[in-house]
Amino acid sequence: MEITFKSSKLRKNCTQDKVITKTHGPKRGKILKRRLIQLQAAPNLATMKMLPGNCHELSSDRKGTLAVSLDGPYRLIFEPAEEPPPATEDGGLDWDAVTAIRILEVENYHE
């Protein structure tokens, strides 16, 4: 999949080894790098359902975004990069058609 980032600062915080460790710590940083490699290697979003990380759609005020688990309550939050996002006939997200995503943040949204 093609991956873009919401900002250049977020890209740096997620892709540069020293910055990842400084920003997220060694454990979360290692998992974050692994999730980004998995996302990049996946041909589409549906592939992520078969991999560790519990890729799932979010709801309520985060409707339209997705997340994969990192460590503890932390998640990598992203959205389909296509505008509008690919949809199935019933209006849900077409996971098979999503081939590009935009990383929005790394956070604990459970607080």
PDB file of N, CA and C in Angstrom:
ATOM      1  N   MET A   1       0.835  -1.180   0.000  1.00  0.00           N
ATOM      2  CA  MET A   1       0.000   0.000   0.000  1.00  0.00           C
ATOM      3  C   MET A   1       0.877   1.240   0.000  1.00  0.00           C
ATOM      4  N   GLU A   2       0.343   2.278  -0.568  1.00  0.00           N
ATOM      5  CA  GLU A   2       1.013   3.565  -0.533  1.00  0.00           C
ATOM      6  C   GLU A   2       0.682   4.230   0.805  1.00  0.00           C
ATOM      7  N   ILE A   3       1.698   4.782   1.469  1.00  0.00           N
ATOM      8  CA  ILE A   3       1.501   5.419   2.765  1.00  0.00           C
ATOM      9  C   ILE A   3       1.960   6.873   2.694  1.00  0.00           C
ATOM     10  N   THR A   4       1.070   7.778   3.115  1.00  0.00           N
ATOM     11  CA  THR A   4       1.431   9.178   3.284  1.00  0.00           C
ATOM     12  C   THR A   4       1.171   9.542   4.742  1.00  0.00           C
ATOM     13  N   PHE A   5       1.625  10.709   5.135  1.00  0.00           N
ATOM     14  CA  PHE A   5       1.485  11.148   6.522  1.00  0.00           C
ATOM     15  C   PHE A   5       0.799  12.500   6.571  1.00  0.00           C
ATOM     16  N   LYS A   6       0.070  12.736   7.649  1.00  0.00           N
ATOM     17  CA  LYS A   6      -0.666  13.989   7.848  1.00  0.00           C
ATOM     18  C   LYS A   6       0.268  15.195   7.846  1.00  0.00           C
ATOM     19  N   SER A   7       1.495  15.004   8.351  1.00  0.00           N
ATOM     20  CA  SER A   7       2.452  16.114   8.407  1.00  0.00           C
ATOM     21  C   SER A   7       3.873  15.579   8.269  1.00  0.00           C
ATOM     22  N   SER A   8       4.788  16.470   7.949  1.00  0.00           N
ATOM     23  CA  SER A   8       6.191  16.059   7.837  1.00  0.00           C
ATOM     24  C   SER A   8       6.756  15.695   9.212  1.00  0.00           C
ATOM     25  N   LYS A   9       6.282  16.350  10.265  1.00  0.00           N
ATOM     26  CA  LYS A   9       6.729  16.011  11.623  1.00  0.00           C
ATOM     27  C   LYS A   9       6.295  14.588  11.989  1.00  0.00           C
ATOM     28  N   LEU A  10       5.071  14.231  11.658  1.00  0.00           N
ATOM     29  CA  LEU A  10       4.582  12.876  11.935  1.00  0.00           C
ATOM     30  C   LEU A  10       5.384  11.854  11.132  1.00  0.00           C
ATOM     31  N   ARG A  11       5.683  12.168   9.873  1.00  0.00           N
ATOM     32  CA  ARG A  11       6.504  11.269   9.047  1.00  0.00           C
ATOM     33  C   ARG A  11       7.849  11.024   9.727  1.00  0.00           C
ATOM     34  N   LYS A  12       8.464  12.083  10.178  1.00  0.00           N
ATOM     35  CA  LYS A  12       9.760  11.975  10.847  1.00  0.00           C
ATOM     36  C   LYS A  12       9.637  11.145  12.127  1.00  0.00           C
ATOM     37  N   ASN A  13       8.588  11.375  12.914  1.00  0.00           N
ATOM     38  CA  ASN A  13       8.374  10.647  14.167  1.00  0.00           C
ATOM     39  C   ASN A  13       8.089   9.160  13.949  1.00  0.00           C
ATOM     40  N   CYS A  14       7.701   8.795  12.746  1.00  0.00           N
ATOM     41  CA  CYS A  14       7.343   7.401  12.452  1.00  0.00           C
ATOM     42  C   CYS A  14       8.346   6.678  11.557  1.00  0.00           C
ATOM     43  N   THR A  15       9.302   7.392  10.977  1.00  0.00           N
ATOM     44  CA  THR A  15      10.173   6.740  10.002  1.00  0.00           C
ATOM     45  C   THR A  15      11.664   6.849  10.296  1.00  0.00           C
ATOM     46  N   GLN A  16      12.066   7.778  11.120  1.00  0.00           N
ATOM     47  CA  GLN A  16      13.498   7.928  11.420  1.00  0.00           C
ATOM     48  C   GLN A  16      13.812   7.221  12.733  1.00  0.00           C
ATOM     49  N   ASP A  17      14.701   6.225  12.675  1.00  0.00           N
ATOM     50  CA  ASP A  17      14.964   5.347  13.813  1.00  0.00           C
ATOM     51  C   ASP A  17      15.227   6.090  15.126  1.00  0.00           C
ATOM     52  N   LYS A  18      16.118   7.038  15.131  1.00  0.00           N
ATOM     53  CA  LYS A  18      16.449   7.748  16.368  1.00  0.00           C
ATOM     54  C   LYS A  18      15.241   8.521  16.901  1.00  0.00           C
ATOM     55  N   VAL A  19      14.502   9.128  16.003  1.00  0.00           N
ATOM     56  CA  VAL A  19      13.339   9.922  16.402  1.00  0.00           C
ATOM     57  C   VAL A  19      12.222   9.006  16.904  1.00  0.00           C
ATOM     58  N   ILE A  20      12.038   7.860  16.258  1.00  0.00           N
ATOM     59  CA  ILE A  20      11.014   6.899  16.703  1.00  0.00           C
ATOM     60  C   ILE A  20      11.281   6.498  18.143  1.00  0.00           C
ATOM     61  N   THR A  21      12.509   6.110  18.432  1.00  0.00           N
ATOM     62  CA  THR A  21      12.852   5.663  19.780  1.00  0.00           C
ATOM     63  C   THR A  21      12.701   6.790  20.790  1.00  0.00           C
ATOM     64  N   LYS A  22      13.126   7.990  20.428  1.00  0.00           N
ATOM     65  CA  LYS A  22      13.016   9.130  21.330  1.00  0.00           C
ATOM     66  C   LYS A  22      11.554   9.505  21.585  1.00  0.00           C
ATOM     67  N   THR A  23      10.746   9.475  20.550  1.00  0.00           N
ATOM     68  CA  THR A  23       9.346   9.891  20.647  1.00  0.00           C
ATOM     69  C   THR A  23       8.449   8.833  21.281  1.00  0.00           C
ATOM     70  N   HIS A  24       8.650   7.571  20.893  1.00  0.00           N
ATOM     71  CA  HIS A  24       7.724   6.510  21.292  1.00  0.00           C
ATOM     72  C   HIS A  24       8.312   5.481  22.255  1.00  0.00           C
ATOM     73  N   GLY A  25       9.618   5.535  22.483  1.00  0.00           N
ATOM     74  CA  GLY A  25      10.270   4.537  23.326  1.00  0.00           C
ATOM     75  C   GLY A  25      10.653   3.318  22.504  1.00  0.00           C
ATOM     76  N   PRO A  26      11.569   2.492  23.007  1.00  0.00           N
ATOM     77  CA  PRO A  26      12.061   1.360  22.209  1.00  0.00           C
ATOM     78  C   PRO A  26      10.998   0.303  21.890  1.00  0.00           C
ATOM     79  N   LYS A  27      10.143  -0.037  22.847  1.00  0.00           N
ATOM     80  CA  LYS A  27       9.144  -1.090  22.619  1.00  0.00           C
ATOM     81  C   LYS A  27       8.097  -0.650  21.590  1.00  0.00           C
ATOM     82  N   ARG A  28       7.456   0.483  21.842  1.00  0.00           N
ATOM     83  CA  ARG A  28       6.420   0.969  20.919  1.00  0.00           C
ATOM     84  C   ARG A  28       7.039   1.313  19.562  1.00  0.00           C
ATOM     85  N   GLY A  29       8.241   1.867  19.584  1.00  0.00           N
ATOM     86  CA  GLY A  29       8.926   2.214  18.338  1.00  0.00           C
ATOM     87  C   GLY A  29       9.154   0.995  17.459  1.00  0.00           C
ATOM     88  N   LYS A  30       9.566  -0.109  18.065  1.00  0.00           N
ATOM     89  CA  LYS A  30       9.800  -1.349  17.313  1.00  0.00           C
ATOM     90  C   LYS A  30       8.492  -1.871  16.703  1.00  0.00           C
ATOM     91  N   ILE A  31       7.427  -1.839  17.487  1.00  0.00           N
ATOM     92  CA  ILE A  31       6.120  -2.307  16.987  1.00  0.00           C
ATOM     93  C   ILE A  31       5.606  -1.368  15.900  1.00  0.00           C
ATOM     94  N   LEU A  32       5.773  -0.068  16.085  1.00  0.00           N
ATOM     95  CA  LEU A  32       5.344   0.925  15.091  1.00  0.00           C
ATOM     96  C   LEU A  32       6.038   0.675  13.755  1.00  0.00           C
ATOM     97  N   LYS A  33       7.340   0.457  13.782  1.00  0.00           N
ATOM     98  CA  LYS A  33       8.075   0.174  12.544  1.00  0.00           C
ATOM     99  C   LYS A  33       7.544  -1.096  11.878  1.00  0.00           C
ATOM    100  N   ARG A  34       7.256  -2.128  12.686  1.00  0.00           N
ATOM    101  CA  ARG A  34       6.733  -3.383  12.147  1.00  0.00           C
ATOM    102  C   ARG A  34       5.374  -3.167  11.483  1.00  0.00           C
ATOM    103  N   ARG A  35       4.488  -2.397  12.140  1.00  0.00           N
ATOM    104  CA  ARG A  35       3.155  -2.144  11.562  1.00  0.00           C
ATOM    105  C   ARG A  35       3.268  -1.370  10.247  1.00  0.00           C
ATOM    106  N   LEU A  36       4.152  -0.397  10.186  1.00  0.00           N
ATOM    107  CA  LEU A  36       4.318   0.376   8.946  1.00  0.00           C
ATOM    108  C   LEU A  36       4.860  -0.505   7.823  1.00  0.00           C
ATOM    109  N   ILE A  37       5.767  -1.419   8.141  1.00  0.00           N
ATOM    110  CA  ILE A  37       6.281  -2.361   7.134  1.00  0.00           C
ATOM    111  C   ILE A  37       5.153  -3.257   6.651  1.00  0.00           C
ATOM    112  N   GLN A  38       4.312  -3.743   7.574  1.00  0.00           N
ATOM    113  CA  GLN A  38       3.180  -4.589   7.191  1.00  0.00           C
ATOM    114  C   GLN A  38       2.214  -3.831   6.292  1.00  0.00           C
ATOM    115  N   LEU A  39       1.901  -2.598   6.659  1.00  0.00           N
ATOM    116  CA  LEU A  39       0.982  -1.794   5.851  1.00  0.00           C
ATOM    117  C   LEU A  39       1.555  -1.533   4.463  1.00  0.00           C
ATOM    118  N   GLN A  40       2.827  -1.203   4.395  1.00  0.00           N
ATOM    119  CA  GLN A  40       3.450  -0.915   3.106  1.00  0.00           C
ATOM    120  C   GLN A  40       3.492  -2.159   2.221  1.00  0.00           C
ATOM    121  N   ALA A  41       3.717  -3.319   2.814  1.00  0.00           N
ATOM    122  CA  ALA A  41       3.821  -4.557   2.044  1.00  0.00           C
ATOM    123  C   ALA A  41       2.457  -5.103   1.614  1.00  0.00           C
ATOM    124  N   ALA A  42       1.401  -4.700   2.288  1.00  0.00           N
ATOM    125  CA  ALA A  42       0.060  -5.202   1.971  1.00  0.00           C
ATOM    126  C   ALA A  42      -0.422  -4.636   0.642  1.00  0.00           C
ATOM    127  N   PRO A  43      -0.984  -5.477  -0.231  1.00  0.00           N
ATOM    128  CA  PRO A  43      -1.509  -4.969  -1.496  1.00  0.00           C
ATOM    129  C   PRO A  43      -2.768  -4.112  -1.311  1.00  0.00           C
ATOM    130  N   ASN A  44      -3.494  -4.390  -0.222  1.00  0.00           N
ATOM    131  CA  ASN A  44      -4.699  -3.621   0.093  1.00  0.00           C
ATOM    132  C   ASN A  44      -4.997  -3.760   1.584  1.00  0.00           C
ATOM    133  N   LEU A  45      -5.955  -3.011   2.058  1.00  0.00           N
ATOM    134  CA  LEU A  45      -6.275  -2.994   3.478  1.00  0.00           C
ATOM    135  C   LEU A  45      -6.830  -4.328   3.974  1.00  0.00           C
ATOM    136  N   ALA A  46      -7.517  -5.067   3.125  1.00  0.00           N
ATOM    137  CA  ALA A  46      -8.094  -6.355   3.524  1.00  0.00           C
ATOM    138  C   ALA A  46      -7.011  -7.309   4.021  1.00  0.00           C
ATOM    139  N   THR A  47      -5.821  -7.224   3.477  1.00  0.00           N
ATOM    140  CA  THR A  47      -4.711  -8.069   3.902  1.00  0.00           C
ATOM    141  C   THR A  47      -4.406  -7.863   5.376  1.00  0.00           C
ATOM    142  N   MET A  48      -4.591  -6.668   5.881  1.00  0.00           N
ATOM    143  CA  MET A  48      -4.269  -6.362   7.273  1.00  0.00           C
ATOM    144  C   MET A  48      -5.158  -7.116   8.258  1.00  0.00           C
ATOM    145  N   LYS A  49      -6.335  -7.549   7.821  1.00  0.00           N
ATOM    146  CA  LYS A  49      -7.215  -8.314   8.704  1.00  0.00           C
ATOM    147  C   LYS A  49      -6.601  -9.661   9.073  1.00  0.00           C
ATOM    148  N   MET A  50      -5.691 -10.162   8.227  1.00  0.00           N
ATOM    149  CA  MET A  50      -5.088 -11.469   8.457  1.00  0.00           C
ATOM    150  C   MET A  50      -3.789 -11.388   9.254  1.00  0.00           C
ATOM    151  N   LEU A  51      -3.318 -10.188   9.543  1.00  0.00           N
ATOM    152  CA  LEU A  51      -2.042 -10.011  10.228  1.00  0.00           C
ATOM    153  C   LEU A  51      -2.268  -9.586  11.678  1.00  0.00           C
ATOM    154  N   PRO A  52      -1.257  -9.796  12.536  1.00  0.00           N
ATOM    155  CA  PRO A  52      -1.369  -9.313  13.916  1.00  0.00           C
ATOM    156  C   PRO A  52      -1.554  -7.806  13.934  1.00  0.00           C
ATOM    157  N   GLY A  53      -2.176  -7.303  14.968  1.00  0.00           N
ATOM    158  CA  GLY A  53      -2.342  -5.858  15.114  1.00  0.00           C
ATOM    159  C   GLY A  53      -3.784  -5.416  15.195  1.00  0.00           C
ATOM    160  N   ASN A  54      -4.724  -6.350  14.967  1.00  0.00           N
ATOM    161  CA  ASN A  54      -6.143  -6.034  15.109  1.00  0.00           C
ATOM    162  C   ASN A  54      -6.550  -4.778  14.338  1.00  0.00           C
ATOM    163  N   CYS A  55      -6.348  -4.775  13.045  1.00  0.00           N
ATOM    164  CA  CYS A  55      -6.742  -3.657  12.200  1.00  0.00           C
ATOM    165  C   CYS A  55      -8.267  -3.547  12.230  1.00  0.00           C
ATOM    166  N   HIS A  56      -8.761  -2.368  12.589  1.00  0.00           N
ATOM    167  CA  HIS A  56     -10.210  -2.213  12.733  1.00  0.00           C
ATOM    168  C   HIS A  56     -10.651  -0.779  12.445  1.00  0.00           C
ATOM    169  N   GLU A  57     -11.920  -0.671  12.043  1.00  0.00           N
ATOM    170  CA  GLU A  57     -12.514   0.642  11.815  1.00  0.00           C
ATOM    171  C   GLU A  57     -12.921   1.242  13.157  1.00  0.00           C
ATOM    172  N   LEU A  58     -12.825   2.557  13.250  1.00  0.00           N
ATOM    173  CA  LEU A  58     -13.237   3.251  14.460  1.00  0.00           C
ATOM    174  C   LEU A  58     -14.632   3.825  14.258  1.00  0.00           C
ATOM    175  N   SER A  59     -15.258   4.201  15.349  1.00  0.00           N
ATOM    176  CA  SER A  59     -16.635   4.683  15.269  1.00  0.00           C
ATOM    177  C   SER A  59     -16.779   6.002  16.019  1.00  0.00           C
ATOM    178  N   SER A  60     -17.996   6.445  16.133  1.00  0.00           N
ATOM    179  CA  SER A  60     -18.357   7.665  16.833  1.00  0.00           C
ATOM    180  C   SER A  60     -17.642   8.875  16.219  1.00  0.00           C
ATOM    181  N   ASP A  61     -16.927   9.660  17.020  1.00  0.00           N
ATOM    182  CA  ASP A  61     -16.273  10.859  16.494  1.00  0.00           C
ATOM    183  C   ASP A  61     -15.041  10.532  15.658  1.00  0.00           C
ATOM    184  N   ARG A  62     -14.657   9.274  15.600  1.00  0.00           N
ATOM    185  CA  ARG A  62     -13.522   8.838  14.769  1.00  0.00           C
ATOM    186  C   ARG A  62     -13.978   8.032  13.552  1.00  0.00           C
ATOM    187  N   LYS A  63     -15.261   8.105  13.235  1.00  0.00           N
ATOM    188  CA  LYS A  63     -15.785   7.392  12.076  1.00  0.00           C
ATOM    189  C   LYS A  63     -15.025   7.812  10.822  1.00  0.00           C
ATOM    190  N   GLY A  64     -14.686   6.838   9.991  1.00  0.00           N
ATOM    191  CA  GLY A  64     -13.935   7.108   8.777  1.00  0.00           C
ATOM    192  C   GLY A  64     -12.446   6.856   8.937  1.00  0.00           C
ATOM    193  N   THR A  65     -12.026   6.569  10.170  1.00  0.00           N
ATOM    194  CA  THR A  65     -10.624   6.252  10.418  1.00  0.00           C
ATOM    195  C   THR A  65     -10.494   4.806  10.867  1.00  0.00           C
ATOM    196  N   LEU A  66      -9.259   4.308  10.817  1.00  0.00           N
ATOM    197  CA  LEU A  66      -8.963   2.940  11.227  1.00  0.00           C
ATOM    198  C   LEU A  66      -7.780   2.962  12.177  1.00  0.00           C
ATOM    199  N   ALA A  67      -7.545   1.825  12.836  1.00  0.00           N
ATOM    200  CA  ALA A  67      -6.423   1.738  13.759  1.00  0.00           C
ATOM    201  C   ALA A  67      -5.838   0.336  13.745  1.00  0.00           C
ATOM    202  N   VAL A  68      -4.547   0.265  14.061  1.00  0.00           N
ATOM    203  CA  VAL A  68      -3.890  -1.002  14.366  1.00  0.00           C
ATOM    204  C   VAL A  68      -3.250  -0.835  15.734  1.00  0.00           C
ATOM    205  N   SER A  69      -3.237  -1.912  16.502  1.00  0.00           N
ATOM    206  CA  SER A  69      -2.692  -1.886  17.854  1.00  0.00           C
ATOM    207  C   SER A  69      -1.177  -1.790  17.834  1.00  0.00           C
ATOM    208  N   LEU A  70      -0.656  -1.062  18.796  1.00  0.00           N
ATOM    209  CA  LEU A  70       0.779  -1.006  19.021  1.00  0.00           C
ATOM    210  C   LEU A  70       1.026  -1.719  20.354  1.00  0.00           C
ATOM    211  N   ASP A  71       1.386  -0.986  21.397  1.00  0.00           N
ATOM    212  CA  ASP A  71       1.536  -1.617  22.707  1.00  0.00           C
ATOM    213  C   ASP A  71       0.541  -0.984  23.673  1.00  0.00           C
ATOM    214  N   GLY A  72       0.057  -1.785  24.615  1.00  0.00           N
ATOM    215  CA  GLY A  72      -0.916  -1.284  25.577  1.00  0.00           C
ATOM    216  C   GLY A  72      -2.090  -0.654  24.866  1.00  0.00           C
ATOM    217  N   PRO A  73      -2.496   0.526  25.300  1.00  0.00           N
ATOM    218  CA  PRO A  73      -3.657   1.171  24.680  1.00  0.00           C
ATOM    219  C   PRO A  73      -3.306   2.015  23.449  1.00  0.00           C
ATOM    220  N   TYR A  74      -2.046   2.031  23.038  1.00  0.00           N
ATOM    221  CA  TYR A  74      -1.639   2.896  21.922  1.00  0.00           C
ATOM    222  C   TYR A  74      -1.977   2.279  20.574  1.00  0.00           C
ATOM    223  N   ARG A  75      -2.398   3.140  19.649  1.00  0.00           N
ATOM    224  CA  ARG A  75      -2.802   2.719  18.315  1.00  0.00           C
ATOM    225  C   ARG A  75      -2.185   3.632  17.261  1.00  0.00           C
ATOM    226  N   LEU A  76      -1.964   3.064  16.081  1.00  0.00           N
ATOM    227  CA  LEU A  76      -1.587   3.822  14.898  1.00  0.00           C
ATOM    228  C   LEU A  76      -2.894   4.122  14.174  1.00  0.00           C
ATOM    229  N   ILE A  77      -3.243   5.392  14.065  1.00  0.00           N
ATOM    230  CA  ILE A  77      -4.523   5.818  13.491  1.00  0.00           C
ATOM    231  C   ILE A  77      -4.281   6.287  12.054  1.00  0.00           C
ATOM    232  N   PHE A  78      -5.130   5.837  11.132  1.00  0.00           N
ATOM    233  CA  PHE A  78      -4.985   6.220   9.730  1.00  0.00           C
ATOM    234  C   PHE A  78      -6.341   6.256   9.047  1.00  0.00           C
ATOM    235  N   GLU A  79      -6.347   6.747   7.810  1.00  0.00           N
ATOM    236  CA  GLU A  79      -7.577   6.810   7.011  1.00  0.00           C
ATOM    237  C   GLU A  79      -7.245   6.445   5.578  1.00  0.00           C
ATOM    238  N   PRO A  80      -8.238   5.998   4.818  1.00  0.00           N
ATOM    239  CA  PRO A  80      -7.996   5.770   3.390  1.00  0.00           C
ATOM    240  C   PRO A  80      -7.607   7.095   2.737  1.00  0.00           C
ATOM    241  N   ALA A  81      -6.625   7.066   1.862  1.00  0.00           N
ATOM    242  CA  ALA A  81      -6.167   8.302   1.206  1.00  0.00           C
ATOM    243  C   ALA A  81      -7.079   8.703   0.054  1.00  0.00           C
ATOM    244  N   GLU A  82      -7.842   7.758  -0.477  1.00  0.00           N
ATOM    245  CA  GLU A  82      -8.730   8.068  -1.592  1.00  0.00           C
ATOM    246  C   GLU A  82      -9.888   8.946  -1.125  1.00  0.00           C
ATOM    247  N   GLU A  83     -10.254   9.916  -1.950  1.00  0.00           N
ATOM    248  CA  GLU A  83     -11.397  10.784  -1.656  1.00  0.00           C
ATOM    249  C   GLU A  83     -12.424  10.652  -2.756  1.00  0.00           C
ATOM    250  N   PRO A  84     -13.598  10.194  -2.519  1.00  0.00           N
ATOM    251  CA  PRO A  84     -14.062   9.604  -1.268  1.00  0.00           C
ATOM    252  C   PRO A  84     -13.499   8.188  -1.103  1.00  0.00           C
ATOM    253  N   PRO A  85     -13.500   7.680   0.133  1.00  0.00           N
ATOM    254  CA  PRO A  85     -13.003   6.323   0.356  1.00  0.00           C
ATOM    255  C   PRO A  85     -13.837   5.305  -0.425  1.00  0.00           C
ATOM    256  N   PRO A  86     -13.208   4.243  -0.921  1.00  0.00           N
ATOM    257  CA  PRO A  86     -13.952   3.211  -1.648  1.00  0.00           C
ATOM    258  C   PRO A  86     -15.040   2.595  -0.751  1.00  0.00           C
ATOM    259  N   ALA A  87     -16.215   2.421  -1.311  1.00  0.00           N
ATOM    260  CA  ALA A  87     -17.333   1.899  -0.526  1.00  0.00           C
ATOM    261  C   ALA A  87     -17.930   0.661  -1.185  1.00  0.00           C
ATOM    262  N   THR A  88     -18.489  -0.200  -0.355  1.00  0.00           N
ATOM    263  CA  THR A  88     -19.220  -1.364  -0.845  1.00  0.00           C
ATOM    264  C   THR A  88     -20.630  -0.928  -1.215  1.00  0.00           C
ATOM    265  N   GLU A  89     -21.403  -1.826  -1.792  1.00  0.00           N
ATOM    266  CA  GLU A  89     -22.775  -1.485  -2.191  1.00  0.00           C
ATOM    267  C   GLU A  89     -23.629  -1.069  -1.002  1.00  0.00           C
ATOM    268  N   ASP A  90     -23.356  -1.644   0.179  1.00  0.00           N
ATOM    269  CA  ASP A  90     -24.152  -1.286   1.365  1.00  0.00           C
ATOM    270  C   ASP A  90     -23.628  -0.039   2.079  1.00  0.00           C
ATOM    271  N   GLY A  91     -22.594   0.613   1.523  1.00  0.00           N
ATOM    272  CA  GLY A  91     -22.096   1.858   2.072  1.00  0.00           C
ATOM    273  C   GLY A  91     -20.912   1.725   3.022  1.00  0.00           C
ATOM    274  N   GLY A  92     -20.532   0.503   3.340  1.00  0.00           N
ATOM    275  CA  GLY A  92     -19.377   0.294   4.213  1.00  0.00           C
ATOM    276  C   GLY A  92     -18.067   0.485   3.458  1.00  0.00           C
ATOM    277  N   LEU A  93     -16.978   0.522   4.177  1.00  0.00           N
ATOM    278  CA  LEU A  93     -15.667   0.670   3.572  1.00  0.00           C
ATOM    279  C   LEU A  93     -15.293  -0.592   2.802  1.00  0.00           C
ATOM    280  N   ASP A  94     -14.853  -0.439   1.571  1.00  0.00           N
ATOM    281  CA  ASP A  94     -14.415  -1.572   0.746  1.00  0.00           C
ATOM    282  C   ASP A  94     -12.932  -1.808   1.007  1.00  0.00           C
ATOM    283  N   TRP A  95     -12.634  -2.670   1.965  1.00  0.00           N
ATOM    284  CA  TRP A  95     -11.266  -2.939   2.390  1.00  0.00           C
ATOM    285  C   TRP A  95     -10.404  -3.448   1.235  1.00  0.00           C
ATOM    286  N   ASP A  96     -10.992  -4.186   0.304  1.00  0.00           N
ATOM    287  CA  ASP A  96     -10.229  -4.715  -0.834  1.00  0.00           C
ATOM    288  C   ASP A  96      -9.773  -3.607  -1.784  1.00  0.00           C
ATOM    289  N   ALA A  97     -10.489  -2.512  -1.830  1.00  0.00           N
ATOM    290  CA  ALA A  97     -10.187  -1.433  -2.772  1.00  0.00           C
ATOM    291  C   ALA A  97      -9.263  -0.359  -2.193  1.00  0.00           C
ATOM    292  N   VAL A  98      -9.006  -0.402  -0.899  1.00  0.00           N
ATOM    293  CA  VAL A  98      -8.130   0.606  -0.278  1.00  0.00           C
ATOM    294  C   VAL A  98      -6.677   0.204  -0.516  1.00  0.00           C
ATOM    295  N   THR A  99      -5.979   0.995  -1.325  1.00  0.00           N
ATOM    296  CA  THR A  99      -4.576   0.704  -1.655  1.00  0.00           C
ATOM    297  C   THR A  99      -3.642   1.847  -1.258  1.00  0.00           C
ATOM    298  N   ALA A 100      -4.194   2.870  -0.618  1.00  0.00           N
ATOM    299  CA  ALA A 100      -3.389   4.003  -0.152  1.00  0.00           C
ATOM    300  C   ALA A 100      -4.008   4.526   1.139  1.00  0.00           C
ATOM    301  N   ILE A 101      -3.138   4.821   2.114  1.00  0.00           N
ATOM    302  CA  ILE A 101      -3.618   5.335   3.398  1.00  0.00           C
ATOM    303  C   ILE A 101      -2.828   6.571   3.805  1.00  0.00           C
ATOM    304  N   ARG A 102      -3.428   7.347   4.719  1.00  0.00           N
ATOM    305  CA  ARG A 102      -2.779   8.525   5.289  1.00  0.00           C
ATOM    306  C   ARG A 102      -2.697   8.309   6.797  1.00  0.00           C
ATOM    307  N   ILE A 103      -1.475   8.306   7.331  1.00  0.00           N
ATOM    308  CA  ILE A 103      -1.267   8.148   8.768  1.00  0.00           C
ATOM    309  C   ILE A 103      -1.623   9.472   9.440  1.00  0.00           C
ATOM    310  N   LEU A 104      -2.480   9.394  10.472  1.00  0.00           N
ATOM    311  CA  LEU A 104      -2.953  10.594  11.141  1.00  0.00           C
ATOM    312  C   LEU A 104      -2.277  10.850  12.489  1.00  0.00           C
ATOM    313  N   GLU A 105      -2.042   9.773  13.260  1.00  0.00           N
ATOM    314  CA  GLU A 105      -1.448   9.955  14.583  1.00  0.00           C
ATOM    315  C   GLU A 105      -1.117   8.619  15.230  1.00  0.00           C
ATOM    316  N   VAL A 106      -0.329   8.698  16.288  1.00  0.00           N
ATOM    317  CA  VAL A 106      -0.060   7.574  17.172  1.00  0.00           C
ATOM    318  C   VAL A 106      -0.514   8.040  18.538  1.00  0.00           C
ATOM    319  N   GLU A 107      -1.505   7.356  19.111  1.00  0.00           N
ATOM    320  CA  GLU A 107      -2.021   7.827  20.397  1.00  0.00           C
ATOM    321  C   GLU A 107      -2.821   6.770  21.129  1.00  0.00           C
ATOM    322  N   ASN A 108      -3.085   7.081  22.386  1.00  0.00           N
ATOM    323  CA  ASN A 108      -3.998   6.297  23.217  1.00  0.00           C
ATOM    324  C   ASN A 108      -5.335   7.026  23.164  1.00  0.00           C
ATOM    325  N   TYR A 109      -6.247   6.550  22.331  1.00  0.00           N
ATOM    326  CA  TYR A 109      -7.527   7.234  22.207  1.00  0.00           C
ATOM    327  C   TYR A 109      -8.549   6.719  23.215  1.00  0.00           C
ATOM    328  N   HIS A 110      -8.139   5.856  24.124  1.00  0.00           N
ATOM    329  CA  HIS A 110      -9.057   5.311  25.135  1.00  0.00           C
ATOM    330  C   HIS A 110      -9.155   6.201  26.366  1.00  0.00           C
ATOM    331  N   GLU A 111      -8.277   7.194  26.471  1.00  0.00           N
ATOM    332  CA  GLU A 111      -8.298   8.065  27.666  1.00  0.00           C
ATOM    333  C   GLU A 111      -9.458   9.021  27.632  1.00  0.00           C
TER     334      GLU A 111
END
